[in-house]
Amino acid sequence: MASKSIFRIIFHNQGSIYEVYAHEVTQGGMYAFVEVGEITFGERSKLVVDPSDEKLKSEFAGVKRTYIPLHAIVRIDEVEKEGQSKIHPGGEGKGGNVSPFPMSMKPPAAD
């Protein structure tokens, strides 16, 4: 049986950079949104607790799939192994060096 693909999704959310892992990533049915399903959180040691990992677990608890605006996506990678989900400080002036790419959300005019 073939194993499911694992994707690392990095995106902006409320001034921070989120890095999550999921098994499903599609364009979805909503214009300008990326659909992310089956978000995974690997089993980590119970001795060391990462606050950003715990915050992500609680934020996405009970979520079957989430829709991320296309302009918030920094990068999507298909990876071989699941890593640790993280929240990085982001935005200018906060020590981060990644800023959102400006883009129009207006669809192109029909000819």
PDB file of N, CA and C in Angstrom:
ATOM      1  N   MET A   1       0.848  -1.189   0.000  1.00  0.00           N
ATOM      2  CA  MET A   1       0.000   0.000   0.000  1.00  0.00           C
ATOM      3  C   MET A   1       0.890   1.248   0.000  1.00  0.00           C
ATOM      4  N   ALA A   2       0.609   2.149  -0.879  1.00  0.00           N
ATOM      5  CA  ALA A   2       1.388   3.386  -0.985  1.00  0.00           C
ATOM      6  C   ALA A   2       1.049   4.321   0.173  1.00  0.00           C
ATOM      7  N   SER A   3       2.077   4.970   0.710  1.00  0.00           N
ATOM      8  CA  SER A   3       1.837   5.907   1.797  1.00  0.00           C
ATOM      9  C   SER A   3       1.324   7.227   1.231  1.00  0.00           C
ATOM     10  N   LYS A   4       0.590   7.948   2.071  1.00  0.00           N
ATOM     11  CA  LYS A   4       0.041   9.236   1.651  1.00  0.00           C
ATOM     12  C   LYS A   4       1.150  10.282   1.579  1.00  0.00           C
ATOM     13  N   SER A   5       0.993  11.207   0.650  1.00  0.00           N
ATOM     14  CA  SER A   5       1.933  12.324   0.545  1.00  0.00           C
ATOM     15  C   SER A   5       1.799  13.221   1.766  1.00  0.00           C
ATOM     16  N   ILE A   6       2.903  13.835   2.130  1.00  0.00           N
ATOM     17  CA  ILE A   6       2.906  14.798   3.234  1.00  0.00           C
ATOM     18  C   ILE A   6       3.353  16.137   2.671  1.00  0.00           C
ATOM     19  N   PHE A   7       2.592  17.175   2.971  1.00  0.00           N
ATOM     20  CA  PHE A   7       2.892  18.516   2.486  1.00  0.00           C
ATOM     21  C   PHE A   7       3.207  19.423   3.665  1.00  0.00           C
ATOM     22  N   ARG A   8       4.217  20.276   3.479  1.00  0.00           N
ATOM     23  CA  ARG A   8       4.528  21.335   4.447  1.00  0.00           C
ATOM     24  C   ARG A   8       3.975  22.623   3.868  1.00  0.00           C
ATOM     25  N   ILE A   9       3.081  23.284   4.596  1.00  0.00           N
ATOM     26  CA  ILE A   9       2.457  24.521   4.144  1.00  0.00           C
ATOM     27  C   ILE A   9       2.930  25.646   5.057  1.00  0.00           C
ATOM     28  N   ILE A  10       3.517  26.673   4.462  1.00  0.00           N
ATOM     29  CA  ILE A  10       3.982  27.839   5.212  1.00  0.00           C
ATOM     30  C   ILE A  10       3.146  29.024   4.764  1.00  0.00           C
ATOM     31  N   PHE A  11       2.509  29.709   5.735  1.00  0.00           N
ATOM     32  CA  PHE A  11       1.625  30.815   5.391  1.00  0.00           C
ATOM     33  C   PHE A  11       1.597  31.871   6.491  1.00  0.00           C
ATOM     34  N   HIS A  12       1.173  33.074   6.095  1.00  0.00           N
ATOM     35  CA  HIS A  12       1.014  34.196   7.025  1.00  0.00           C
ATOM     36  C   HIS A  12      -0.342  34.084   7.712  1.00  0.00           C
ATOM     37  N   ASN A  13      -0.357  34.364   9.012  1.00  0.00           N
ATOM     38  CA  ASN A  13      -1.614  34.421   9.744  1.00  0.00           C
ATOM     39  C   ASN A  13      -1.454  35.380  10.914  1.00  0.00           C
ATOM     40  N   GLN A  14      -2.151  36.472  10.887  1.00  0.00           N
ATOM     41  CA  GLN A  14      -2.186  37.463  11.953  1.00  0.00           C
ATOM     42  C   GLN A  14      -0.791  37.882  12.424  1.00  0.00           C
ATOM     43  N   GLY A  15       0.063  38.231  11.473  1.00  0.00           N
ATOM     44  CA  GLY A  15       1.382  38.754  11.793  1.00  0.00           C
ATOM     45  C   GLY A  15       2.434  37.708  12.101  1.00  0.00           C
ATOM     46  N   SER A  16       2.088  36.433  12.014  1.00  0.00           N
ATOM     47  CA  SER A  16       3.046  35.362  12.261  1.00  0.00           C
ATOM     48  C   SER A  16       3.144  34.463  11.031  1.00  0.00           C
ATOM     49  N   ILE A  17       4.196  33.666  10.984  1.00  0.00           N
ATOM     50  CA  ILE A  17       4.382  32.691   9.917  1.00  0.00           C
ATOM     51  C   ILE A  17       4.075  31.315  10.502  1.00  0.00           C
ATOM     52  N   TYR A  18       3.067  30.642   9.945  1.00  0.00           N
ATOM     53  CA  TYR A  18       2.685  29.311  10.398  1.00  0.00           C
ATOM     54  C   TYR A  18       3.310  28.280   9.475  1.00  0.00           C
ATOM     55  N   GLU A  19       3.779  27.188  10.055  1.00  0.00           N
ATOM     56  CA  GLU A  19       4.292  26.054   9.301  1.00  0.00           C
ATOM     57  C   GLU A  19       3.545  24.818   9.792  1.00  0.00           C
ATOM     58  N   VAL A  20       2.705  24.237   8.935  1.00  0.00           N
ATOM     59  CA  VAL A  20       1.916  23.066   9.304  1.00  0.00           C
ATOM     60  C   VAL A  20       2.129  21.955   8.280  1.00  0.00           C
ATOM     61  N   TYR A  21       1.787  20.750   8.674  1.00  0.00           N
ATOM     62  CA  TYR A  21       1.916  19.578   7.811  1.00  0.00           C
ATOM     63  C   TYR A  21       0.536  18.977   7.596  1.00  0.00           C
ATOM     64  N   ALA A  22       0.277  18.537   6.366  1.00  0.00           N
ATOM     65  CA  ALA A  22      -1.024  17.976   6.029  1.00  0.00           C
ATOM     66  C   ALA A  22      -0.881  16.926   4.942  1.00  0.00           C
ATOM     67  N   HIS A  23      -1.925  16.096   4.805  1.00  0.00           N
ATOM     68  CA  HIS A  23      -1.930  15.061   3.773  1.00  0.00           C
ATOM     69  C   HIS A  23      -2.663  15.504   2.515  1.00  0.00           C
ATOM     70  N   GLU A  24      -3.503  16.521   2.613  1.00  0.00           N
ATOM     71  CA  GLU A  24      -4.271  16.977   1.454  1.00  0.00           C
ATOM     72  C   GLU A  24      -4.095  18.476   1.239  1.00  0.00           C
ATOM     73  N   VAL A  25      -3.739  18.855   0.017  1.00  0.00           N
ATOM     74  CA  VAL A  25      -3.661  20.264  -0.376  1.00  0.00           C
ATOM     75  C   VAL A  25      -4.226  20.349  -1.782  1.00  0.00           C
ATOM     76  N   THR A  26      -5.282  21.150  -1.959  1.00  0.00           N
ATOM     77  CA  THR A  26      -5.889  21.326  -3.278  1.00  0.00           C
ATOM     78  C   THR A  26      -6.254  22.787  -3.477  1.00  0.00           C
ATOM     79  N   GLN A  27      -6.578  23.106  -4.729  1.00  0.00           N
ATOM     80  CA  GLN A  27      -6.997  24.473  -5.042  1.00  0.00           C
ATOM     81  C   GLN A  27      -8.354  24.766  -4.418  1.00  0.00           C
ATOM     82  N   GLY A  28      -9.197  23.785  -4.310  1.00  0.00           N
ATOM     83  CA  GLY A  28     -10.495  23.969  -3.672  1.00  0.00           C
ATOM     84  C   GLY A  28     -11.487  24.653  -4.588  1.00  0.00           C
ATOM     85  N   GLY A  29     -12.712  24.752  -4.115  1.00  0.00           N
ATOM     86  CA  GLY A  29     -13.787  25.319  -4.900  1.00  0.00           C
ATOM     87  C   GLY A  29     -13.970  26.818  -4.735  1.00  0.00           C
ATOM     88  N   MET A  30     -13.347  27.406  -3.716  1.00  0.00           N
ATOM     89  CA  MET A  30     -13.482  28.848  -3.494  1.00  0.00           C
ATOM     90  C   MET A  30     -12.351  29.573  -4.200  1.00  0.00           C
ATOM     91  N   TYR A  31     -12.711  30.594  -4.929  1.00  0.00           N
ATOM     92  CA  TYR A  31     -11.727  31.376  -5.671  1.00  0.00           C
ATOM     93  C   TYR A  31     -10.703  31.982  -4.723  1.00  0.00           C
ATOM     94  N   ALA A  32      -9.425  31.849  -5.060  1.00  0.00           N
ATOM     95  CA  ALA A  32      -8.289  32.449  -4.355  1.00  0.00           C
ATOM     96  C   ALA A  32      -8.049  31.863  -2.963  1.00  0.00           C
ATOM     97  N   PHE A  33      -8.451  30.610  -2.753  1.00  0.00           N
ATOM     98  CA  PHE A  33      -8.176  29.928  -1.493  1.00  0.00           C
ATOM     99  C   PHE A  33      -7.539  28.577  -1.773  1.00  0.00           C
ATOM    100  N   VAL A  34      -6.634  28.163  -0.897  1.00  0.00           N
ATOM    101  CA  VAL A  34      -6.036  26.837  -0.951  1.00  0.00           C
ATOM    102  C   VAL A  34      -6.696  26.015   0.149  1.00  0.00           C
ATOM    103  N   GLU A  35      -7.176  24.842  -0.219  1.00  0.00           N
ATOM    104  CA  GLU A  35      -7.858  23.959   0.727  1.00  0.00           C
ATOM    105  C   GLU A  35      -6.842  22.985   1.321  1.00  0.00           C
ATOM    106  N   VAL A  36      -6.759  22.939   2.645  1.00  0.00           N
ATOM    107  CA  VAL A  36      -5.811  22.073   3.338  1.00  0.00           C
ATOM    108  C   VAL A  36      -6.611  21.142   4.242  1.00  0.00           C
ATOM    109  N   GLY A  37      -6.408  19.826   4.052  1.00  0.00           N
ATOM    110  CA  GLY A  37      -7.128  18.839   4.855  1.00  0.00           C
ATOM    111  C   GLY A  37      -6.175  17.862   5.505  1.00  0.00           C
ATOM    112  N   GLU A  38      -6.681  17.170   6.498  1.00  0.00           N
ATOM    113  CA  GLU A  38      -5.908  16.178   7.256  1.00  0.00           C
ATOM    114  C   GLU A  38      -4.616  16.767   7.798  1.00  0.00           C
ATOM    115  N   ILE A  39      -4.751  17.855   8.556  1.00  0.00           N
ATOM    116  CA  ILE A  39      -3.594  18.473   9.202  1.00  0.00           C
ATOM    117  C   ILE A  39      -3.078  17.498  10.250  1.00  0.00           C
ATOM    118  N   THR A  40      -1.763  17.275  10.252  1.00  0.00           N
ATOM    119  CA  THR A  40      -1.187  16.290  11.165  1.00  0.00           C
ATOM    120  C   THR A  40      -0.251  16.957  12.164  1.00  0.00           C
ATOM    121  N   PHE A  41      -0.213  16.372  13.326  1.00  0.00           N
ATOM    122  CA  PHE A  41       0.717  16.785  14.375  1.00  0.00           C
ATOM    123  C   PHE A  41       1.374  15.515  14.872  1.00  0.00           C
ATOM    124  N   GLY A  42       2.668  15.373  14.642  1.00  0.00           N
ATOM    125  CA  GLY A  42       3.382  14.162  15.026  1.00  0.00           C
ATOM    126  C   GLY A  42       3.454  14.012  16.525  1.00  0.00           C
ATOM    127  N   GLU A  43       3.624  12.785  16.950  1.00  0.00           N
ATOM    128  CA  GLU A  43       3.796  12.515  18.373  1.00  0.00           C
ATOM    129  C   GLU A  43       5.210  12.929  18.783  1.00  0.00           C
ATOM    130  N   ARG A  44       5.300  13.794  19.714  1.00  0.00           N
ATOM    131  CA  ARG A  44       6.591  14.273  20.197  1.00  0.00           C
ATOM    132  C   ARG A  44       6.784  13.813  21.638  1.00  0.00           C
ATOM    133  N   SER A  45       7.966  14.010  22.119  1.00  0.00           N
ATOM    134  CA  SER A  45       8.276  13.660  23.495  1.00  0.00           C
ATOM    135  C   SER A  45       7.387  14.460  24.447  1.00  0.00           C
ATOM    136  N   LYS A  46       6.919  13.808  25.469  1.00  0.00           N
ATOM    137  CA  LYS A  46       6.085  14.488  26.462  1.00  0.00           C
ATOM    138  C   LYS A  46       6.935  15.259  27.470  1.00  0.00           C
ATOM    139  N   LEU A  47       8.254  15.049  27.434  1.00  0.00           N
ATOM    140  CA  LEU A  47       9.128  15.744  28.375  1.00  0.00           C
ATOM    141  C   LEU A  47       9.359  17.190  27.986  1.00  0.00           C
ATOM    142  N   VAL A  48       9.485  17.451  26.689  1.00  0.00           N
ATOM    143  CA  VAL A  48       9.731  18.805  26.206  1.00  0.00           C
ATOM    144  C   VAL A  48       8.484  19.262  25.449  1.00  0.00           C
ATOM    145  N   VAL A  49       7.896  20.365  25.901  1.00  0.00           N
ATOM    146  CA  VAL A  49       6.681  20.875  25.289  1.00  0.00           C
ATOM    147  C   VAL A  49       7.003  22.168  24.550  1.00  0.00           C
ATOM    148  N   ASP A  50       6.708  22.191  23.257  1.00  0.00           N
ATOM    149  CA  ASP A  50       6.923  23.382  22.439  1.00  0.00           C
ATOM    150  C   ASP A  50       5.644  24.213  22.465  1.00  0.00           C
ATOM    151  N   PRO A  51       5.683  25.448  22.993  1.00  0.00           N
ATOM    152  CA  PRO A  51       4.475  26.258  23.089  1.00  0.00           C
ATOM    153  C   PRO A  51       3.819  26.542  21.737  1.00  0.00           C
ATOM    154  N   SER A  52       4.613  26.743  20.669  1.00  0.00           N
ATOM    155  CA  SER A  52       4.005  27.043  19.373  1.00  0.00           C
ATOM    156  C   SER A  52       3.300  25.811  18.816  1.00  0.00           C
ATOM    157  N   ASP A  53       3.859  24.612  19.046  1.00  0.00           N
ATOM    158  CA  ASP A  53       3.211  23.379  18.605  1.00  0.00           C
ATOM    159  C   ASP A  53       1.906  23.176  19.358  1.00  0.00           C
ATOM    160  N   GLU A  54       1.905  23.429  20.653  1.00  0.00           N
ATOM    161  CA  GLU A  54       0.679  23.287  21.451  1.00  0.00           C
ATOM    162  C   GLU A  54      -0.378  24.306  21.026  1.00  0.00           C
ATOM    163  N   LYS A  55       0.057  25.530  20.695  1.00  0.00           N
ATOM    164  CA  LYS A  55      -0.887  26.558  20.236  1.00  0.00           C
ATOM    165  C   LYS A  55      -1.524  26.140  18.917  1.00  0.00           C
ATOM    166  N   LEU A  56      -0.724  25.586  18.002  1.00  0.00           N
ATOM    167  CA  LEU A  56      -1.260  25.112  16.726  1.00  0.00           C
ATOM    168  C   LEU A  56      -2.233  23.956  16.930  1.00  0.00           C
ATOM    169  N   LYS A  57      -1.899  23.027  17.813  1.00  0.00           N
ATOM    170  CA  LYS A  57      -2.795  21.896  18.090  1.00  0.00           C
ATOM    171  C   LYS A  57      -4.141  22.390  18.599  1.00  0.00           C
ATOM    172  N   SER A  58      -4.119  23.346  19.510  1.00  0.00           N
ATOM    173  CA  SER A  58      -5.381  23.851  20.051  1.00  0.00           C
ATOM    174  C   SER A  58      -6.140  24.690  19.019  1.00  0.00           C
ATOM    175  N   GLU A  59      -5.416  25.431  18.189  1.00  0.00           N
ATOM    176  CA  GLU A  59      -6.067  26.262  17.172  1.00  0.00           C
ATOM    177  C   GLU A  59      -6.753  25.416  16.098  1.00  0.00           C
ATOM    178  N   PHE A  60      -6.135  24.288  15.736  1.00  0.00           N
ATOM    179  CA  PHE A  60      -6.696  23.440  14.689  1.00  0.00           C
ATOM    180  C   PHE A  60      -7.411  22.205  15.235  1.00  0.00           C
ATOM    181  N   ALA A  61      -7.683  22.162  16.535  1.00  0.00           N
ATOM    182  CA  ALA A  61      -8.406  21.038  17.121  1.00  0.00           C
ATOM    183  C   ALA A  61      -9.827  20.981  16.538  1.00  0.00           C
ATOM    184  N   GLY A  62     -10.210  19.826  16.059  1.00  0.00           N
ATOM    185  CA  GLY A  62     -11.552  19.641  15.516  1.00  0.00           C
ATOM    186  C   GLY A  62     -11.742  20.165  14.100  1.00  0.00           C
ATOM    187  N   VAL A  63     -10.689  20.650  13.460  1.00  0.00           N
ATOM    188  CA  VAL A  63     -10.781  21.188  12.101  1.00  0.00           C
ATOM    189  C   VAL A  63     -10.538  20.055  11.105  1.00  0.00           C
ATOM    190  N   LYS A  64     -11.530  19.793  10.241  1.00  0.00           N
ATOM    191  CA  LYS A  64     -11.370  18.756   9.221  1.00  0.00           C
ATOM    192  C   LYS A  64     -10.551  19.280   8.051  1.00  0.00           C
ATOM    193  N   ARG A  65     -10.839  20.499   7.627  1.00  0.00           N
ATOM    194  CA  ARG A  65     -10.081  21.151   6.559  1.00  0.00           C
ATOM    195  C   ARG A  65     -10.177  22.654   6.770  1.00  0.00           C
ATOM    196  N   THR A  66      -9.145  23.342   6.309  1.00  0.00           N
ATOM    197  CA  THR A  66      -9.112  24.795   6.439  1.00  0.00           C
ATOM    198  C   THR A  66      -8.846  25.410   5.070  1.00  0.00           C
ATOM    199  N   TYR A  67      -9.266  26.626   4.889  1.00  0.00           N
ATOM    200  CA  TYR A  67      -9.087  27.346   3.625  1.00  0.00           C
ATOM    201  C   TYR A  67      -8.184  28.545   3.899  1.00  0.00           C
ATOM    202  N   ILE A  68      -7.045  28.568   3.229  1.00  0.00           N
ATOM    203  CA  ILE A  68      -6.055  29.621   3.434  1.00  0.00           C
ATOM    204  C   ILE A  68      -6.060  30.520   2.213  1.00  0.00           C
ATOM    205  N   PRO A  69      -6.167  31.842   2.399  1.00  0.00           N
ATOM    206  CA  PRO A  69      -6.151  32.752   1.245  1.00  0.00           C
ATOM    207  C   PRO A  69      -4.856  32.590   0.451  1.00  0.00           C
ATOM    208  N   LEU A  70      -4.982  32.598  -0.853  1.00  0.00           N
ATOM    209  CA  LEU A  70      -3.846  32.386  -1.743  1.00  0.00           C
ATOM    210  C   LEU A  70      -2.726  33.394  -1.479  1.00  0.00           C
ATOM    211  N   HIS A  71      -3.090  34.636  -1.200  1.00  0.00           N
ATOM    212  CA  HIS A  71      -2.065  35.653  -0.978  1.00  0.00           C
ATOM    213  C   HIS A  71      -1.318  35.464   0.345  1.00  0.00           C
ATOM    214  N   ALA A  72      -1.831  34.613   1.254  1.00  0.00           N
ATOM    215  CA  ALA A  72      -1.153  34.363   2.522  1.00  0.00           C
ATOM    216  C   ALA A  72      -0.136  33.230   2.428  1.00  0.00           C
ATOM    217  N   ILE A  73      -0.219  32.426   1.368  1.00  0.00           N
ATOM    218  CA  ILE A  73       0.683  31.284   1.206  1.00  0.00           C
ATOM    219  C   ILE A  73       2.086  31.774   0.859  1.00  0.00           C
ATOM    220  N   VAL A  74       3.070  31.290   1.588  1.00  0.00           N
ATOM    221  CA  VAL A  74       4.463  31.583   1.283  1.00  0.00           C
ATOM    222  C   VAL A  74       5.022  30.461   0.425  1.00  0.00           C
ATOM    223  N   ARG A  75       4.694  29.210   0.822  1.00  0.00           N
ATOM    224  CA  ARG A  75       5.292  28.081   0.131  1.00  0.00           C
ATOM    225  C   ARG A  75       4.566  26.795   0.508  1.00  0.00           C
ATOM    226  N   ILE A  76       4.492  25.855  -0.446  1.00  0.00           N
ATOM    227  CA  ILE A  76       3.959  24.520  -0.207  1.00  0.00           C
ATOM    228  C   ILE A  76       4.970  23.531  -0.759  1.00  0.00           C
ATOM    229  N   ASP A  77       5.424  22.597   0.078  1.00  0.00           N
ATOM    230  CA  ASP A  77       6.404  21.591  -0.315  1.00  0.00           C
ATOM    231  C   ASP A  77       5.834  20.205  -0.050  1.00  0.00           C
ATOM    232  N   GLU A  78       6.116  19.267  -0.944  1.00  0.00           N
ATOM    233  CA  GLU A  78       5.830  17.865  -0.660  1.00  0.00           C
ATOM    234  C   GLU A  78       7.101  17.303  -0.050  1.00  0.00           C
ATOM    235  N   VAL A  79       6.994  16.747   1.152  1.00  0.00           N
ATOM    236  CA  VAL A  79       8.167  16.279   1.883  1.00  0.00           C
ATOM    237  C   VAL A  79       8.071  14.780   2.141  1.00  0.00           C
ATOM    238  N   GLU A  80       9.195  14.181   2.481  1.00  0.00           N
ATOM    239  CA  GLU A  80       9.210  12.746   2.739  1.00  0.00           C
ATOM    240  C   GLU A  80       8.784  12.411   4.159  1.00  0.00           C
ATOM    241  N   LYS A  81       9.168  13.261   5.127  1.00  0.00           N
ATOM    242  CA  LYS A  81       8.816  13.009   6.522  1.00  0.00           C
ATOM    243  C   LYS A  81       8.163  14.249   7.117  1.00  0.00           C
ATOM    244  N   GLU A  82       7.265  13.994   8.028  1.00  0.00           N
ATOM    245  CA  GLU A  82       6.595  15.084   8.732  1.00  0.00           C
ATOM    246  C   GLU A  82       7.554  15.698   9.735  1.00  0.00           C
ATOM    247  N   GLY A  83       7.568  17.015   9.788  1.00  0.00           N
ATOM    248  CA  GLY A  83       8.390  17.722  10.757  1.00  0.00           C
ATOM    249  C   GLY A  83       7.516  18.262  11.872  1.00  0.00           C
ATOM    250  N   GLN A  84       8.084  19.136  12.658  1.00  0.00           N
ATOM    251  CA  GLN A  84       7.350  19.735  13.761  1.00  0.00           C
ATOM    252  C   GLN A  84       6.669  21.013  13.291  1.00  0.00           C
ATOM    253  N   SER A  85       5.384  21.131  13.562  1.00  0.00           N
ATOM    254  CA  SER A  85       4.650  22.346  13.220  1.00  0.00           C
ATOM    255  C   SER A  85       5.154  23.487  14.095  1.00  0.00           C
ATOM    256  N   LYS A  86       5.193  24.696  13.517  1.00  0.00           N
ATOM    257  CA  LYS A  86       5.773  25.830  14.234  1.00  0.00           C
ATOM    258  C   LYS A  86       5.021  27.113  13.926  1.00  0.00           C
ATOM    259  N   ILE A  87       5.186  28.081  14.806  1.00  0.00           N
ATOM    260  CA  ILE A  87       4.756  29.454  14.555  1.00  0.00           C
ATOM    261  C   ILE A  87       6.003  30.310  14.714  1.00  0.00           C
ATOM    262  N   HIS A  88       6.353  31.041  13.657  1.00  0.00           N
ATOM    263  CA  HIS A  88       7.517  31.930  13.686  1.00  0.00           C
ATOM    264  C   HIS A  88       7.016  33.367  13.773  1.00  0.00           C
ATOM    265  N   PRO A  89       7.758  34.241  14.462  1.00  0.00           N
ATOM    266  CA  PRO A  89       7.391  35.656  14.388  1.00  0.00           C
ATOM    267  C   PRO A  89       7.573  36.128  12.955  1.00  0.00           C
ATOM    268  N   GLY A  90       6.692  36.964  12.486  1.00  0.00           N
ATOM    269  CA  GLY A  90       6.785  37.401  11.099  1.00  0.00           C
ATOM    270  C   GLY A  90       6.513  38.872  10.957  1.00  0.00           C
ATOM    271  N   GLY A  91       6.627  39.340   9.752  1.00  0.00           N
ATOM    272  CA  GLY A  91       6.356  40.733   9.472  1.00  0.00           C
ATOM    273  C   GLY A  91       7.580  41.596   9.661  1.00  0.00           C
ATOM    274  N   GLU A  92       7.524  42.755   9.070  1.00  0.00           N
ATOM    275  CA  GLU A  92       8.648  43.667   9.158  1.00  0.00           C
ATOM    276  C   GLU A  92       8.707  44.280  10.549  1.00  0.00           C
ATOM    277  N   GLY A  93       9.915  44.481  11.051  1.00  0.00           N
ATOM    278  CA  GLY A  93      10.093  45.106  12.348  1.00  0.00           C
ATOM    279  C   GLY A  93       9.948  44.143  13.513  1.00  0.00           C
ATOM    280  N   LYS A  94       9.599  42.882  13.265  1.00  0.00           N
ATOM    281  CA  LYS A  94       9.444  41.913  14.342  1.00  0.00           C
ATOM    282  C   LYS A  94      10.522  40.840  14.274  1.00  0.00           C
ATOM    283  N   GLY A  95      11.561  41.095  13.529  1.00  0.00           N
ATOM    284  CA  GLY A  95      12.626  40.114  13.420  1.00  0.00           C
ATOM    285  C   GLY A  95      12.428  39.136  12.280  1.00  0.00           C
ATOM    286  N   GLY A  96      11.304  39.205  11.605  1.00  0.00           N
ATOM    287  CA  GLY A  96      11.052  38.305  10.490  1.00  0.00           C
ATOM    288  C   GLY A  96      11.559  38.899   9.196  1.00  0.00           C
ATOM    289  N   ASN A  97      11.818  38.048   8.221  1.00  0.00           N
ATOM    290  CA  ASN A  97      12.296  38.557   6.944  1.00  0.00           C
ATOM    291  C   ASN A  97      11.406  38.103   5.788  1.00  0.00           C
ATOM    292  N   VAL A  98      10.197  37.633   6.083  1.00  0.00           N
ATOM    293  CA  VAL A  98       9.254  37.211   5.050  1.00  0.00           C
ATOM    294  C   VAL A  98       8.051  38.133   5.113  1.00  0.00           C
ATOM    295  N   SER A  99       7.700  38.707   3.968  1.00  0.00           N
ATOM    296  CA  SER A  99       6.513  39.546   3.925  1.00  0.00           C
ATOM    297  C   SER A  99       5.625  39.071   2.789  1.00  0.00           C
ATOM    298  N   PRO A 100       4.306  39.282   2.899  1.00  0.00           N
ATOM    299  CA  PRO A 100       3.404  38.791   1.868  1.00  0.00           C
ATOM    300  C   PRO A 100       3.651  39.449   0.524  1.00  0.00           C
ATOM    301  N   PHE A 101       3.477  38.683  -0.532  1.00  0.00           N
ATOM    302  CA  PHE A 101       3.618  39.187  -1.885  1.00  0.00           C
ATOM    303  C   PHE A 101       2.350  39.953  -2.245  1.00  0.00           C
ATOM    304  N   PRO A 102       2.454  41.235  -2.641  1.00  0.00           N
ATOM    305  CA  PRO A 102       1.238  41.990  -2.968  1.00  0.00           C
ATOM    306  C   PRO A 102       0.635  41.475  -4.269  1.00  0.00           C
ATOM    307  N   MET A 103      -0.665  41.234  -4.245  1.00  0.00           N
ATOM    308  CA  MET A 103      -1.324  40.775  -5.456  1.00  0.00           C
ATOM    309  C   MET A 103      -2.777  41.211  -5.447  1.00  0.00           C
ATOM    310  N   SER A 104      -3.306  41.363  -6.611  1.00  0.00           N
ATOM    311  CA  SER A 104      -4.690  41.762  -6.764  1.00  0.00           C
ATOM    312  C   SER A 104      -5.590  40.548  -6.575  1.00  0.00           C
ATOM    313  N   MET A 105      -6.667  40.710  -5.867  1.00  0.00           N
ATOM    314  CA  MET A 105      -7.619  39.615  -5.676  1.00  0.00           C
ATOM    315  C   MET A 105      -8.767  39.713  -6.680  1.00  0.00           C
ATOM    316  N   LYS A 106      -8.634  40.623  -7.623  1.00  0.00           N
ATOM    317  CA  LYS A 106      -9.660  40.830  -8.629  1.00  0.00           C
ATOM    318  C   LYS A 106      -9.418  39.875  -9.799  1.00  0.00           C
ATOM    319  N   PRO A 107     -10.414  39.077 -10.198  1.00  0.00           N
ATOM    320  CA  PRO A 107     -10.192  38.168 -11.329  1.00  0.00           C
ATOM    321  C   PRO A 107      -9.963  38.939 -12.622  1.00  0.00           C
ATOM    322  N   PRO A 108      -9.223  38.359 -13.574  1.00  0.00           N
ATOM    323  CA  PRO A 108      -8.979  39.045 -14.834  1.00  0.00           C
ATOM    324  C   PRO A 108     -10.289  39.283 -15.596  1.00  0.00           C
ATOM    325  N   ALA A 109     -10.318  40.397 -16.322  1.00  0.00           N
ATOM    326  CA  ALA A 109     -11.512  40.756 -17.084  1.00  0.00           C
ATOM    327  C   ALA A 109     -11.708  39.793 -18.252  1.00  0.00           C
ATOM    328  N   ALA A 110     -12.944  39.464 -18.535  1.00  0.00           N
ATOM    329  CA  ALA A 110     -13.263  38.566 -19.653  1.00  0.00           C
ATOM    330  C   ALA A 110     -13.114  39.348 -20.968  1.00  0.00           C
ATOM    331  N   ASP A 111     -12.630  38.661 -21.983  1.00  0.00           N
ATOM    332  CA  ASP A 111     -12.450  39.313 -23.296  1.00  0.00           C
ATOM    333  C   ASP A 111     -13.767  39.453 -24.021  1.00  0.00           C
TER     334      ASP A 111
END
